[in-house]
C-alpha atoms as a PDB file:
ATOM      1  CA  UNK A   1       1.347 -42.791 -81.321  1.00  0.00           C
ATOM      2  CA  UNK A   2       3.229 -42.343 -84.529  1.00  0.00           C
ATOM      3  CA  UNK A   3       6.331 -44.410 -83.839  1.00  0.00           C
ATOM      4  CA  UNK A   4       6.568 -47.977 -82.572  1.00  0.00           C
ATOM      5  CA  UNK A   5       9.074 -47.127 -79.818  1.00  0.00           C
ATOM      6  CA  UNK A   6       6.632 -44.724 -78.146  1.00  0.00           C
ATOM      7  CA  UNK A   7       4.484 -47.691 -77.136  1.00  0.00           C
ATOM      8  CA  UNK A   8       7.357 -49.584 -75.537  1.00  0.00           C
ATOM      9  CA  UNK A   9       7.263 -49.393 -71.739  1.00  0.00           C
ATOM     10  CA  UNK A  10      11.036 -49.883 -71.647  1.00  0.00           C
ATOM     11  CA  UNK A  11      11.486 -46.767 -73.814  1.00  0.00           C
ATOM     12  CA  UNK A  12       9.074 -44.739 -71.649  1.00  0.00           C
ATOM     13  CA  UNK A  13      10.938 -45.677 -68.463  1.00  0.00           C
ATOM     14  CA  UNK A  14      14.285 -44.998 -70.116  1.00  0.00           C
ATOM     15  CA  UNK A  15      13.096 -41.537 -71.164  1.00  0.00           C
ATOM     16  CA  UNK A  16      11.907 -40.716 -67.645  1.00  0.00           C
ATOM     17  CA  UNK A  17      15.188 -41.879 -66.149  1.00  0.00           C
ATOM     18  CA  UNK A  18      17.198 -39.950 -68.730  1.00  0.00           C
ATOM     19  CA  UNK A  19      15.398 -36.764 -67.702  1.00  0.00           C
ATOM     20  CA  UNK A  20      15.944 -37.537 -64.021  1.00  0.00           C
ATOM     21  CA  UNK A  21      19.662 -38.155 -64.581  1.00  0.00           C
ATOM     22  CA  UNK A  22      19.859 -34.782 -66.339  1.00  0.00           C
ATOM     23  CA  UNK A  23      18.378 -33.112 -63.249  1.00  0.00           C
ATOM     24  CA  UNK A  24      20.578 -35.139 -60.872  1.00  0.00           C
ATOM     25  CA  UNK A  25      23.809 -34.139 -62.628  1.00  0.00           C
ATOM     26  CA  UNK A  26      22.958 -30.458 -62.301  1.00  0.00           C
ATOM     27  CA  UNK A  27      23.898 -30.844 -58.599  1.00  0.00           C
ATOM     28  CA  UNK A  28      27.437 -32.022 -59.431  1.00  0.00           C
ATOM     29  CA  UNK A  29      30.440 -29.707 -59.068  1.00  0.00           C
ATOM     30  CA  UNK A  30      31.115 -27.491 -62.087  1.00  0.00           C
ATOM     31  CA  UNK A  31      34.469 -29.192 -62.709  1.00  0.00           C
ATOM     32  CA  UNK A  32      32.534 -32.372 -63.602  1.00  0.00           C
ATOM     33  CA  UNK A  33      30.418 -30.626 -66.249  1.00  0.00           C
ATOM     34  CA  UNK A  34      32.481 -31.880 -69.188  1.00  0.00           C
ATOM     35  CA  UNK A  35      33.500 -35.197 -67.716  1.00  0.00           C
ATOM     36  CA  UNK A  36      31.329 -37.286 -65.399  1.00  0.00           C
ATOM     37  CA  UNK A  37      28.149 -35.212 -65.932  1.00  0.00           C
ATOM     38  CA  UNK A  38      28.487 -35.381 -69.679  1.00  0.00           C
ATOM     39  CA  UNK A  39      29.328 -39.092 -69.670  1.00  0.00           C
ATOM     40  CA  UNK A  40      26.414 -39.978 -67.404  1.00  0.00           C
ATOM     41  CA  UNK A  41      23.907 -37.917 -69.386  1.00  0.00           C
ATOM     42  CA  UNK A  42      25.100 -39.320 -72.726  1.00  0.00           C
ATOM     43  CA  UNK A  43      24.842 -42.895 -71.420  1.00  0.00           C
ATOM     44  CA  UNK A  44      21.311 -42.280 -70.092  1.00  0.00           C
ATOM     45  CA  UNK A  45      20.291 -40.687 -73.401  1.00  0.00           C
ATOM     46  CA  UNK A  46      21.909 -43.538 -75.328  1.00  0.00           C
ATOM     47  CA  UNK A  47      19.553 -46.047 -73.703  1.00  0.00           C
ATOM     48  CA  UNK A  48      16.520 -44.205 -75.028  1.00  0.00           C
ATOM     49  CA  UNK A  49      18.010 -43.424 -78.424  1.00  0.00           C
ATOM     50  CA  UNK A  50      19.127 -46.986 -79.127  1.00  0.00           C
ATOM     51  CA  UNK A  51      15.766 -48.471 -78.162  1.00  0.00           C
ATOM     52  CA  UNK A  52      14.063 -46.025 -80.509  1.00  0.00           C
ATOM     53  CA  UNK A  53      16.494 -46.517 -83.373  1.00  0.00           C
ATOM     54  CA  UNK A  54      16.440 -50.284 -83.133  1.00  0.00           C
ATOM     55  CA  UNK A  55      12.660 -50.528 -83.051  1.00  0.00           C
ATOM     56  CA  UNK A  56      12.095 -48.685 -86.282  1.00  0.00           C
ATOM     57  CA  UNK A  57      11.337 -51.110 -89.083  1.00  0.00           C
ATOM     58  CA  UNK A  58      14.560 -53.056 -89.033  1.00  0.00           C
ATOM     59  CA  UNK A  59      15.096 -56.775 -88.737  1.00  0.00           C
ATOM     60  CA  UNK A  60      14.696 -58.592 -85.450  1.00  0.00           C
ATOM     61  CA  UNK A  61      18.436 -59.201 -85.371  1.00  0.00           C
ATOM     62  CA  UNK A  62      19.099 -55.463 -85.757  1.00  0.00           C
ATOM     63  CA  UNK A  63      16.612 -54.616 -83.007  1.00  0.00           C
ATOM     64  CA  UNK A  64      18.325 -57.122 -80.701  1.00  0.00           C
ATOM     65  CA  UNK A  65      21.691 -55.527 -81.514  1.00  0.00           C
ATOM     66  CA  UNK A  66      20.405 -52.054 -80.628  1.00  0.00           C
ATOM     67  CA  UNK A  67      18.868 -53.393 -77.411  1.00  0.00           C
ATOM     68  CA  UNK A  68      22.281 -54.798 -76.529  1.00  0.00           C
ATOM     69  CA  UNK A  69      23.793 -51.347 -76.976  1.00  0.00           C
ATOM     70  CA  UNK A  70      20.996 -49.846 -74.850  1.00  0.00           C
ATOM     71  CA  UNK A  71      21.694 -52.408 -72.133  1.00  0.00           C
ATOM     72  CA  UNK A  72      25.406 -51.597 -72.091  1.00  0.00           C
ATOM     73  CA  UNK A  73      24.593 -47.886 -71.867  1.00  0.00           C
ATOM     74  CA  UNK A  74      22.273 -48.517 -68.911  1.00  0.00           C
ATOM     75  CA  UNK A  75      25.051 -50.422 -67.156  1.00  0.00           C
ATOM     76  CA  UNK A  76      27.369 -47.496 -67.884  1.00  0.00           C
ATOM     77  CA  UNK A  77      24.931 -45.218 -66.034  1.00  0.00           C
ATOM     78  CA  UNK A  78      25.090 -47.582 -63.059  1.00  0.00           C
ATOM     79  CA  UNK A  79      28.867 -47.388 -63.071  1.00  0.00           C
ATOM     80  CA  UNK A  80      28.621 -43.589 -63.169  1.00  0.00           C
ATOM     81  CA  UNK A  81      26.331 -43.803 -60.133  1.00  0.00           C
ATOM     82  CA  UNK A  82      29.051 -45.676 -58.260  1.00  0.00           C
ATOM     83  CA  UNK A  83      31.616 -43.034 -59.190  1.00  0.00           C
ATOM     84  CA  UNK A  84      29.222 -40.252 -58.200  1.00  0.00           C
ATOM     85  CA  UNK A  85      28.537 -41.836 -54.837  1.00  0.00           C
ATOM     86  CA  UNK A  86      32.222 -42.475 -54.137  1.00  0.00           C
ATOM     87  CA  UNK A  87      32.991 -38.822 -54.850  1.00  0.00           C
ATOM     88  CA  UNK A  88      30.081 -37.730 -52.632  1.00  0.00           C
ATOM     89  CA  UNK A  89      28.218 -36.026 -55.490  1.00  0.00           C
ATOM     90  CA  UNK A  90      25.092 -38.017 -54.675  1.00  0.00           C
ATOM     91  CA  UNK A  91      23.853 -39.324 -51.367  1.00  0.00           C
ATOM     92  CA  UNK A  92      23.040 -42.935 -50.522  1.00  0.00           C
ATOM     93  CA  UNK A  93      19.299 -42.397 -51.070  1.00  0.00           C
ATOM     94  CA  UNK A  94      19.778 -41.107 -54.637  1.00  0.00           C
ATOM     95  CA  UNK A  95      22.275 -43.865 -55.357  1.00  0.00           C
ATOM     96  CA  UNK A  96      19.855 -46.570 -54.186  1.00  0.00           C
ATOM     97  CA  UNK A  97      16.899 -45.047 -56.035  1.00  0.00           C
ATOM     98  CA  UNK A  98      18.655 -44.892 -59.393  1.00  0.00           C
ATOM     99  CA  UNK A  99      20.582 -48.128 -58.890  1.00  0.00           C
ATOM    100  CA  UNK A 100      17.288 -49.941 -58.286  1.00  0.00           C
ATOM    101  CA  UNK A 101      15.531 -48.220 -61.194  1.00  0.00           C
ATOM    102  CA  UNK A 102      18.339 -49.030 -63.609  1.00  0.00           C
ATOM    103  CA  UNK A 103      18.352 -52.615 -62.342  1.00  0.00           C
ATOM    104  CA  UNK A 104      14.678 -52.874 -63.309  1.00  0.00           C
ATOM    105  CA  UNK A 105      15.334 -51.181 -66.650  1.00  0.00           C
ATOM    106  CA  UNK A 106      18.210 -53.565 -67.439  1.00  0.00           C
ATOM    107  CA  UNK A 107      16.003 -56.537 -66.654  1.00  0.00           C
ATOM    108  CA  UNK A 108      13.283 -55.155 -68.916  1.00  0.00           C
ATOM    109  CA  UNK A 109      15.704 -54.604 -71.794  1.00  0.00           C
ATOM    110  CA  UNK A 110      17.079 -58.133 -71.325  1.00  0.00           C
ATOM    111  CA  UNK A 111      13.575 -59.658 -71.330  1.00  0.00           C
ATOM    112  CA  UNK A 112      12.543 -57.693 -74.413  1.00  0.00           C
ATOM    113  CA  UNK A 113      15.734 -58.744 -76.172  1.00  0.00           C
ATOM    114  CA  UNK A 114      15.134 -62.411 -75.283  1.00  0.00           C
ATOM    115  CA  UNK A 115      11.551 -62.247 -76.538  1.00  0.00           C
ATOM    116  CA  UNK A 116      12.539 -61.128 -80.032  1.00  0.00           C
END
């Protein structure tokens, strides 16, 4: 692996979830394309991008800062899940699946951040 972030389990999980969120939002109504869909996809992508950017040869303090941004983006995805469920764009099973997976991801980001 050429880049440090590729080895990070938290980045790998974030990437998988980002791709799954992209697929999930394709089921949303077309009127949400430039609002909730876009917001949710950008937040999911932001998790992955900030982990990668922060891991690349910067100080520990900078990496912690980028992990904090990644954590906030992950929590934003969770909030988007709540909105999506309340508007009936996703069912309870999808909500629970992604809520639980983002809970695990947030815990992982928090632990990594604390270990630095």
